[in-house]
Amino acid sequence: MMRVLVFAAAALVLSAPAAASEQHPTQHELESELICPTCHTTLDQSNAPVALQMKALIAQRIAAGDTKAEIERRLVADYGRGVLAKPDTKGFDLLAWVLPIVGLVAGAVVVGIAAWRWSGRRGGGLDGDPAPEPLEPELEQLVDEELRRLEA
């Protein structure tokens, strides 16, 4: 129960700036999220005549007290959906949100499997080499004698 309350409180704290941005958008915020239909760059980077018209309309609508969604709807009605810099979250445009996440997850899985397979091939030696085969008994005895002689 406590976790739910903490989660709800965190959600409220984090959603407050987003709600404030929706109710009182800034000129720069909207210009960075909208695209000039002529040069296909964001409005904050464009000085095309249509971009200047859009910037003036944004300033007027902010002064009139319109919300971010209202201003975006007006611009989409006047210039088309191409003015929105972010893709829609439904239909075919949803792929633009989903595919990067799927790609990252698939890449992580491939790297994980490769690392697991690579680590499974390692042998019993200290440096990752396979364990050496045992020596013949005569050679083993000769090595033991030499080691005893060196220790003395």
N, C-alpha and C. Protein backbone atom coordinates (compact mmCIF):
# COMPACT_ATOMS: atom_id res chain seq x y z
N MET A 1 0.83 -1.19 0.00
CA MET A 1 0.00 0.00 0.00
C MET A 1 0.87 1.25 0.00
N MET A 2 1.94 1.19 0.78
CA MET A 2 2.84 2.34 0.87
C MET A 2 3.51 2.62 -0.47
N ARG A 3 3.86 1.55 -1.19
CA ARG A 3 4.50 1.72 -2.50
C ARG A 3 3.57 2.44 -3.47
N VAL A 4 2.29 2.11 -3.40
CA VAL A 4 1.31 2.74 -4.30
C VAL A 4 1.22 4.23 -4.00
N LEU A 5 1.22 4.59 -2.72
CA LEU A 5 1.16 6.00 -2.35
C LEU A 5 2.41 6.75 -2.79
N VAL A 6 3.57 6.13 -2.62
CA VAL A 6 4.82 6.76 -3.06
C VAL A 6 4.82 6.94 -4.56
N PHE A 7 4.38 5.91 -5.28
CA PHE A 7 4.31 6.00 -6.74
C PHE A 7 3.34 7.09 -7.18
N ALA A 8 2.19 7.18 -6.55
CA ALA A 8 1.20 8.21 -6.91
C ALA A 8 1.75 9.60 -6.62
N ALA A 9 2.44 9.78 -5.50
CA ALA A 9 3.02 11.08 -5.17
C ALA A 9 4.09 11.47 -6.19
N ALA A 10 4.93 10.50 -6.57
CA ALA A 10 5.97 10.77 -7.56
C ALA A 10 5.35 11.14 -8.90
N ALA A 11 4.29 10.45 -9.28
CA ALA A 11 3.61 10.76 -10.55
C ALA A 11 3.04 12.17 -10.53
N LEU A 12 2.48 12.58 -9.41
CA LEU A 12 1.94 13.94 -9.31
C LEU A 12 3.03 14.99 -9.39
N VAL A 13 4.14 14.74 -8.71
CA VAL A 13 5.25 15.70 -8.72
C VAL A 13 5.83 15.82 -10.12
N LEU A 14 5.98 14.69 -10.81
CA LEU A 14 6.57 14.71 -12.15
C LEU A 14 5.61 15.22 -13.21
N SER A 15 4.32 15.11 -12.98
CA SER A 15 3.36 15.56 -13.99
C SER A 15 3.06 17.06 -13.88
N ALA A 16 3.39 17.68 -12.78
CA ALA A 16 3.12 19.11 -12.61
C ALA A 16 3.81 19.97 -13.66
N PRO A 17 5.12 19.77 -13.95
CA PRO A 17 5.75 20.59 -15.00
C PRO A 17 5.13 20.35 -16.38
N ALA A 18 4.74 19.13 -16.67
CA ALA A 18 4.13 18.84 -17.96
C ALA A 18 2.78 19.55 -18.09
N ALA A 19 2.01 19.55 -17.01
CA ALA A 19 0.72 20.23 -17.04
C ALA A 19 0.92 21.74 -17.17
N ALA A 20 1.93 22.27 -16.50
CA ALA A 20 2.21 23.71 -16.61
C ALA A 20 2.62 24.06 -18.03
N SER A 21 3.41 23.19 -18.65
CA SER A 21 3.84 23.41 -20.03
C SER A 21 2.66 23.37 -20.98
N GLU A 22 1.69 22.51 -20.72
CA GLU A 22 0.50 22.41 -21.57
C GLU A 22 -0.36 23.66 -21.43
N GLN A 23 -0.53 24.15 -20.21
CA GLN A 23 -1.40 25.30 -19.97
C GLN A 23 -0.74 26.62 -20.37
N HIS A 24 0.59 26.73 -20.16
CA HIS A 24 1.30 27.97 -20.43
C HIS A 24 2.56 27.67 -21.25
N PRO A 25 2.40 27.36 -22.53
CA PRO A 25 3.57 27.02 -23.34
C PRO A 25 4.43 28.26 -23.60
N THR A 26 5.69 28.02 -23.87
CA THR A 26 6.58 29.12 -24.23
C THR A 26 6.78 29.12 -25.74
N GLN A 27 7.19 30.28 -26.23
CA GLN A 27 7.44 30.43 -27.67
C GLN A 27 8.54 29.45 -28.10
N HIS A 28 9.63 29.42 -27.34
CA HIS A 28 10.76 28.54 -27.71
C HIS A 28 10.35 27.07 -27.69
N GLU A 29 9.58 26.68 -26.69
CA GLU A 29 9.13 25.28 -26.59
C GLU A 29 8.35 24.86 -27.84
N LEU A 30 7.41 25.68 -28.25
CA LEU A 30 6.61 25.34 -29.43
C LEU A 30 7.44 25.40 -30.70
N GLU A 31 8.33 26.38 -30.82
CA GLU A 31 9.15 26.48 -32.02
C GLU A 31 10.09 25.30 -32.17
N SER A 32 10.50 24.69 -31.06
CA SER A 32 11.39 23.53 -31.14
C SER A 32 10.64 22.23 -31.42
N GLU A 33 9.30 22.25 -31.29
CA GLU A 33 8.50 21.05 -31.52
C GLU A 33 7.69 21.10 -32.81
N LEU A 34 7.85 22.17 -33.58
CA LEU A 34 7.11 22.32 -34.83
C LEU A 34 8.08 22.48 -35.99
N ILE A 35 7.65 22.03 -37.18
CA ILE A 35 8.53 22.00 -38.35
C ILE A 35 8.01 22.98 -39.41
N CYS A 36 8.94 23.67 -40.02
CA CYS A 36 8.60 24.56 -41.13
C CYS A 36 8.22 23.71 -42.34
N PRO A 37 7.06 23.95 -42.94
CA PRO A 37 6.65 23.14 -44.10
C PRO A 37 7.50 23.40 -45.35
N THR A 38 8.23 24.49 -45.38
CA THR A 38 9.05 24.82 -46.55
C THR A 38 10.42 24.17 -46.49
N CYS A 39 11.14 24.40 -45.38
CA CYS A 39 12.53 23.92 -45.31
C CYS A 39 12.69 22.66 -44.46
N HIS A 40 11.64 22.21 -43.84
CA HIS A 40 11.62 20.95 -43.07
C HIS A 40 12.63 20.94 -41.92
N THR A 41 12.86 22.08 -41.31
CA THR A 41 13.63 22.17 -40.07
C THR A 41 12.70 22.71 -39.00
N THR A 42 13.12 22.62 -37.75
CA THR A 42 12.26 23.15 -36.69
C THR A 42 12.15 24.66 -36.84
N LEU A 43 11.07 25.21 -36.34
CA LEU A 43 10.82 26.65 -36.49
C LEU A 43 11.92 27.49 -35.87
N ASP A 44 12.51 27.01 -34.77
CA ASP A 44 13.56 27.80 -34.13
C ASP A 44 14.83 27.88 -34.98
N GLN A 45 14.93 27.07 -36.02
CA GLN A 45 16.09 27.10 -36.91
C GLN A 45 15.77 27.70 -38.27
N SER A 46 14.52 28.05 -38.51
CA SER A 46 14.11 28.48 -39.83
C SER A 46 13.76 29.97 -39.85
N ASN A 47 14.11 30.62 -40.96
CA ASN A 47 13.71 32.00 -41.19
C ASN A 47 12.92 32.14 -42.49
N ALA A 48 12.37 31.03 -42.96
CA ALA A 48 11.55 31.06 -44.17
C ALA A 48 10.30 31.91 -43.90
N PRO A 49 9.73 32.52 -44.92
CA PRO A 49 8.54 33.36 -44.71
C PRO A 49 7.39 32.63 -44.00
N VAL A 50 7.13 31.39 -44.38
CA VAL A 50 6.05 30.65 -43.72
C VAL A 50 6.40 30.37 -42.26
N ALA A 51 7.67 30.15 -41.96
CA ALA A 51 8.09 29.93 -40.57
C ALA A 51 7.88 31.19 -39.75
N LEU A 52 8.18 32.34 -40.33
CA LEU A 52 7.97 33.62 -39.63
C LEU A 52 6.48 33.84 -39.37
N GLN A 53 5.62 33.45 -40.32
CA GLN A 53 4.16 33.55 -40.11
C GLN A 53 3.73 32.65 -38.96
N MET A 54 4.27 31.43 -38.96
CA MET A 54 3.91 30.48 -37.89
C MET A 54 4.37 31.00 -36.53
N LYS A 55 5.57 31.58 -36.48
CA LYS A 55 6.09 32.14 -35.22
C LYS A 55 5.20 33.28 -34.72
N ALA A 56 4.75 34.13 -35.63
CA ALA A 56 3.86 35.23 -35.26
C ALA A 56 2.53 34.69 -34.73
N LEU A 57 2.00 33.67 -35.40
CA LEU A 57 0.74 33.06 -34.94
C LEU A 57 0.91 32.45 -33.55
N ILE A 58 2.04 31.79 -33.32
CA ILE A 58 2.30 31.19 -32.01
C ILE A 58 2.34 32.28 -30.94
N ALA A 59 3.03 33.38 -31.23
CA ALA A 59 3.11 34.48 -30.26
C ALA A 59 1.72 35.05 -29.96
N GLN A 60 0.89 35.22 -30.99
CA GLN A 60 -0.47 35.73 -30.80
C GLN A 60 -1.30 34.79 -29.94
N ARG A 61 -1.21 33.48 -30.24
CA ARG A 61 -2.03 32.51 -29.51
C ARG A 61 -1.57 32.36 -28.06
N ILE A 62 -0.26 32.48 -27.82
CA ILE A 62 0.23 32.42 -26.43
C ILE A 62 -0.29 33.64 -25.67
N ALA A 63 -0.23 34.81 -26.31
CA ALA A 63 -0.73 36.05 -25.67
C ALA A 63 -2.22 35.95 -25.40
N ALA A 64 -2.96 35.24 -26.27
CA ALA A 64 -4.39 35.08 -26.08
C ALA A 64 -4.73 34.05 -25.00
N GLY A 65 -3.70 33.29 -24.54
CA GLY A 65 -3.93 32.32 -23.47
C GLY A 65 -4.26 30.92 -23.93
N ASP A 66 -4.03 30.61 -25.20
CA ASP A 66 -4.29 29.27 -25.71
C ASP A 66 -3.33 28.26 -25.09
N THR A 67 -3.78 27.03 -24.97
CA THR A 67 -2.91 25.95 -24.49
C THR A 67 -2.04 25.45 -25.63
N LYS A 68 -1.07 24.65 -25.27
CA LYS A 68 -0.16 24.08 -26.27
C LYS A 68 -0.94 23.24 -27.29
N ALA A 69 -1.87 22.43 -26.81
CA ALA A 69 -2.65 21.56 -27.70
C ALA A 69 -3.52 22.39 -28.65
N GLU A 70 -4.08 23.47 -28.15
CA GLU A 70 -4.91 24.33 -29.00
C GLU A 70 -4.08 24.97 -30.11
N ILE A 71 -2.90 25.43 -29.76
CA ILE A 71 -2.03 26.07 -30.75
C ILE A 71 -1.59 25.04 -31.79
N GLU A 72 -1.22 23.86 -31.34
CA GLU A 72 -0.80 22.81 -32.27
C GLU A 72 -1.95 22.42 -33.20
N ARG A 73 -3.16 22.28 -32.65
CA ARG A 73 -4.32 21.95 -33.48
C ARG A 73 -4.56 23.02 -34.55
N ARG A 74 -4.42 24.26 -34.17
CA ARG A 74 -4.62 25.37 -35.12
C ARG A 74 -3.59 25.30 -36.24
N LEU A 75 -2.32 25.07 -35.88
CA LEU A 75 -1.27 25.00 -36.89
C LEU A 75 -1.44 23.78 -37.80
N VAL A 76 -1.86 22.67 -37.23
CA VAL A 76 -2.11 21.46 -38.04
C VAL A 76 -3.27 21.72 -39.00
N ALA A 77 -4.30 22.41 -38.53
CA ALA A 77 -5.43 22.73 -39.41
C ALA A 77 -5.00 23.65 -40.55
N ASP A 78 -4.10 24.59 -40.26
CA ASP A 78 -3.67 25.56 -41.28
C ASP A 78 -2.61 24.99 -42.22
N TYR A 79 -1.67 24.18 -41.69
CA TYR A 79 -0.50 23.76 -42.47
C TYR A 79 -0.37 22.24 -42.67
N GLY A 80 -1.19 21.46 -42.01
CA GLY A 80 -1.12 20.00 -42.15
C GLY A 80 -0.33 19.33 -41.04
N ARG A 81 -0.46 17.98 -40.95
CA ARG A 81 0.20 17.21 -39.88
C ARG A 81 1.72 17.26 -39.97
N GLY A 82 2.24 17.63 -41.13
CA GLY A 82 3.69 17.67 -41.31
C GLY A 82 4.40 18.70 -40.45
N VAL A 83 3.66 19.60 -39.81
CA VAL A 83 4.31 20.61 -38.97
C VAL A 83 4.69 20.06 -37.59
N LEU A 84 4.16 18.90 -37.23
CA LEU A 84 4.50 18.31 -35.93
C LEU A 84 5.83 17.57 -36.03
N ALA A 85 6.76 17.89 -35.13
CA ALA A 85 8.09 17.27 -35.18
C ALA A 85 8.08 15.84 -34.64
N LYS A 86 7.13 15.52 -33.77
CA LYS A 86 7.09 14.16 -33.24
C LYS A 86 5.98 13.38 -33.93
N PRO A 87 6.23 12.09 -34.20
CA PRO A 87 5.21 11.29 -34.87
C PRO A 87 4.03 10.99 -33.94
N ASP A 88 2.92 10.65 -34.54
CA ASP A 88 1.73 10.29 -33.80
C ASP A 88 1.98 9.00 -33.02
N THR A 89 1.20 8.75 -32.00
CA THR A 89 1.38 7.54 -31.19
C THR A 89 0.35 6.48 -31.50
N LYS A 90 -0.19 6.49 -32.70
CA LYS A 90 -1.13 5.44 -33.10
C LYS A 90 -0.95 5.14 -34.57
N GLY A 91 -1.45 3.99 -34.98
CA GLY A 91 -1.36 3.60 -36.38
C GLY A 91 0.07 3.30 -36.80
N PHE A 92 0.35 3.58 -38.06
CA PHE A 92 1.67 3.30 -38.63
C PHE A 92 2.77 4.13 -37.97
N ASP A 93 2.44 5.36 -37.54
CA ASP A 93 3.43 6.23 -36.90
C ASP A 93 3.92 5.68 -35.57
N LEU A 94 3.18 4.76 -34.99
CA LEU A 94 3.61 4.15 -33.73
C LEU A 94 4.94 3.40 -33.90
N LEU A 95 5.21 2.95 -35.12
CA LEU A 95 6.48 2.26 -35.38
C LEU A 95 7.69 3.14 -35.07
N ALA A 96 7.56 4.44 -35.28
CA ALA A 96 8.66 5.36 -34.99
C ALA A 96 9.01 5.37 -33.51
N TRP A 97 8.07 5.05 -32.65
CA TRP A 97 8.32 4.98 -31.20
C TRP A 97 8.77 3.58 -30.79
N VAL A 98 8.22 2.55 -31.43
CA VAL A 98 8.46 1.17 -31.00
C VAL A 98 9.76 0.58 -31.55
N LEU A 99 10.06 0.84 -32.82
CA LEU A 99 11.22 0.20 -33.45
C LEU A 99 12.56 0.50 -32.76
N PRO A 100 12.84 1.72 -32.33
CA PRO A 100 14.12 1.93 -31.63
C PRO A 100 14.22 1.11 -30.34
N ILE A 101 13.13 0.98 -29.62
CA ILE A 101 13.15 0.20 -28.38
C ILE A 101 13.36 -1.27 -28.70
N VAL A 102 12.67 -1.77 -29.71
CA VAL A 102 12.83 -3.17 -30.12
C VAL A 102 14.27 -3.42 -30.57
N GLY A 103 14.85 -2.48 -31.31
CA GLY A 103 16.23 -2.61 -31.76
C GLY A 103 17.21 -2.68 -30.60
N LEU A 104 17.01 -1.83 -29.60
CA LEU A 104 17.89 -1.85 -28.43
C LEU A 104 17.78 -3.16 -27.66
N VAL A 105 16.56 -3.64 -27.47
CA VAL A 105 16.36 -4.89 -26.75
C VAL A 105 16.97 -6.06 -27.54
N ALA A 106 16.75 -6.09 -28.85
CA ALA A 106 17.31 -7.16 -29.67
C ALA A 106 18.84 -7.12 -29.63
N GLY A 107 19.42 -5.94 -29.71
CA GLY A 107 20.88 -5.81 -29.63
C GLY A 107 21.42 -6.30 -28.29
N ALA A 108 20.73 -5.97 -27.20
CA ALA A 108 21.16 -6.42 -25.88
C ALA A 108 21.08 -7.94 -25.78
N VAL A 109 20.04 -8.53 -26.36
CA VAL A 109 19.91 -9.99 -26.34
C VAL A 109 21.04 -10.64 -27.14
N VAL A 110 21.34 -10.10 -28.31
CA VAL A 110 22.41 -10.66 -29.14
C VAL A 110 23.76 -10.56 -28.41
N VAL A 111 24.04 -9.42 -27.81
CA VAL A 111 25.30 -9.26 -27.07
C VAL A 111 25.34 -10.21 -25.89
N GLY A 112 24.24 -10.36 -25.18
CA GLY A 112 24.18 -11.27 -24.03
C GLY A 112 24.42 -12.72 -24.44
N ILE A 113 23.78 -13.15 -25.52
CA ILE A 113 23.97 -14.53 -26.00
C ILE A 113 25.40 -14.74 -26.47
N ALA A 114 25.96 -13.76 -27.17
CA ALA A 114 27.35 -13.89 -27.63
C ALA A 114 28.31 -13.98 -26.45
N ALA A 115 28.10 -13.16 -25.43
CA ALA A 115 28.97 -13.20 -24.25
C ALA A 115 28.83 -14.54 -23.52
N TRP A 116 27.60 -15.04 -23.44
CA TRP A 116 27.38 -16.32 -22.75
C TRP A 116 28.06 -17.46 -23.50
N ARG A 117 27.91 -17.46 -24.82
CA ARG A 117 28.54 -18.53 -25.63
C ARG A 117 30.06 -18.43 -25.56
N TRP A 118 30.58 -17.20 -25.61
CA TRP A 118 32.02 -17.02 -25.55
C TRP A 118 32.57 -17.49 -24.21
N SER A 119 31.87 -17.17 -23.12
CA SER A 119 32.36 -17.58 -21.81
C SER A 119 32.23 -19.09 -21.62
N GLY A 120 31.31 -19.74 -22.33
CA GLY A 120 31.14 -21.19 -22.22
C GLY A 120 32.25 -21.97 -22.91
N ARG A 121 32.94 -21.35 -23.83
CA ARG A 121 34.02 -22.01 -24.56
C ARG A 121 35.33 -21.99 -23.79
N ARG A 122 35.39 -21.24 -22.75
CA ARG A 122 36.64 -21.14 -22.00
C ARG A 122 36.92 -22.44 -21.27
N GLY A 123 38.17 -22.80 -21.25
CA GLY A 123 38.57 -24.06 -20.63
C GLY A 123 38.94 -23.89 -19.18
N GLY A 124 39.68 -24.88 -18.66
CA GLY A 124 40.03 -24.89 -17.24
C GLY A 124 41.33 -24.21 -16.92
N GLY A 125 42.10 -23.74 -17.90
CA GLY A 125 43.37 -23.08 -17.63
C GLY A 125 43.17 -21.71 -17.02
N LEU A 126 44.25 -21.17 -16.40
CA LEU A 126 44.16 -19.88 -15.76
C LEU A 126 43.92 -18.75 -16.76
N ASP A 127 44.52 -18.84 -17.92
CA ASP A 127 44.38 -17.77 -18.90
C ASP A 127 43.30 -18.05 -19.94
N GLY A 128 42.44 -19.01 -19.68
CA GLY A 128 41.35 -19.31 -20.61
C GLY A 128 41.67 -20.41 -21.60
N ASP A 129 42.91 -20.91 -21.59
CA ASP A 129 43.27 -22.00 -22.49
C ASP A 129 42.70 -23.30 -21.94
N PRO A 130 42.50 -24.28 -22.79
CA PRO A 130 42.01 -25.57 -22.30
C PRO A 130 43.01 -26.19 -21.33
N ALA A 131 42.51 -27.03 -20.43
CA ALA A 131 43.38 -27.69 -19.44
C ALA A 131 44.35 -28.60 -20.18
N PRO A 132 45.63 -28.62 -19.76
CA PRO A 132 46.61 -29.46 -20.43
C PRO A 132 46.34 -30.94 -20.17
N GLU A 133 46.76 -31.77 -21.11
CA GLU A 133 46.61 -33.22 -20.93
C GLU A 133 47.63 -33.71 -19.91
N PRO A 134 47.32 -34.76 -19.17
CA PRO A 134 48.28 -35.26 -18.17
C PRO A 134 49.54 -35.80 -18.83
N LEU A 135 50.66 -35.69 -18.08
CA LEU A 135 51.95 -36.17 -18.58
C LEU A 135 52.05 -37.69 -18.45
N GLU A 136 52.95 -38.23 -19.23
CA GLU A 136 53.22 -39.66 -19.09
C GLU A 136 53.89 -39.88 -17.74
N PRO A 137 53.75 -41.07 -17.14
CA PRO A 137 54.28 -41.31 -15.79
C PRO A 137 55.80 -41.08 -15.69
N GLU A 138 56.58 -41.51 -16.71
CA GLU A 138 58.03 -41.32 -16.64
C GLU A 138 58.39 -39.83 -16.65
N LEU A 139 57.70 -39.07 -17.50
CA LEU A 139 57.96 -37.63 -17.60
C LEU A 139 57.52 -36.93 -16.32
N GLU A 140 56.41 -37.38 -15.74
CA GLU A 140 55.93 -36.81 -14.47
C GLU A 140 56.96 -37.03 -13.38
N GLN A 141 57.53 -38.20 -13.31
CA GLN A 141 58.54 -38.51 -12.29
C GLN A 141 59.78 -37.64 -12.48
N LEU A 142 60.18 -37.44 -13.74
CA LEU A 142 61.34 -36.60 -14.04
C LEU A 142 61.09 -35.16 -13.61
N VAL A 143 59.90 -34.63 -13.86
CA VAL A 143 59.55 -33.26 -13.45
C VAL A 143 59.57 -33.16 -11.93
N ASP A 144 58.99 -34.15 -11.22
CA ASP A 144 58.99 -34.13 -9.76
C ASP A 144 60.41 -34.11 -9.20
N GLU A 145 61.32 -34.93 -9.76
CA GLU A 145 62.71 -34.97 -9.30
C GLU A 145 63.39 -33.62 -9.50
N GLU A 146 63.15 -32.99 -10.66
CA GLU A 146 63.76 -31.69 -10.93
C GLU A 146 63.24 -30.63 -9.97
N LEU A 147 61.96 -30.68 -9.67
CA LEU A 147 61.38 -29.72 -8.73
C LEU A 147 61.97 -29.90 -7.34
N ARG A 148 62.13 -31.16 -6.88
CA ARG A 148 62.75 -31.41 -5.59
C ARG A 148 64.18 -30.89 -5.54
N ARG A 149 64.91 -31.09 -6.66
CA ARG A 149 66.29 -30.65 -6.72
C ARG A 149 66.37 -29.11 -6.65
N LEU A 150 65.44 -28.42 -7.29
CA LEU A 150 65.44 -26.97 -7.26
C LEU A 150 65.06 -26.42 -5.89
N GLU A 151 64.21 -27.13 -5.17
CA GLU A 151 63.77 -26.68 -3.85
C GLU A 151 64.90 -26.86 -2.82
N ALA A 152 65.77 -27.76 -3.05
CA ALA A 152 66.84 -28.04 -2.07
C ALA A 152 67.92 -27.01 -2.07
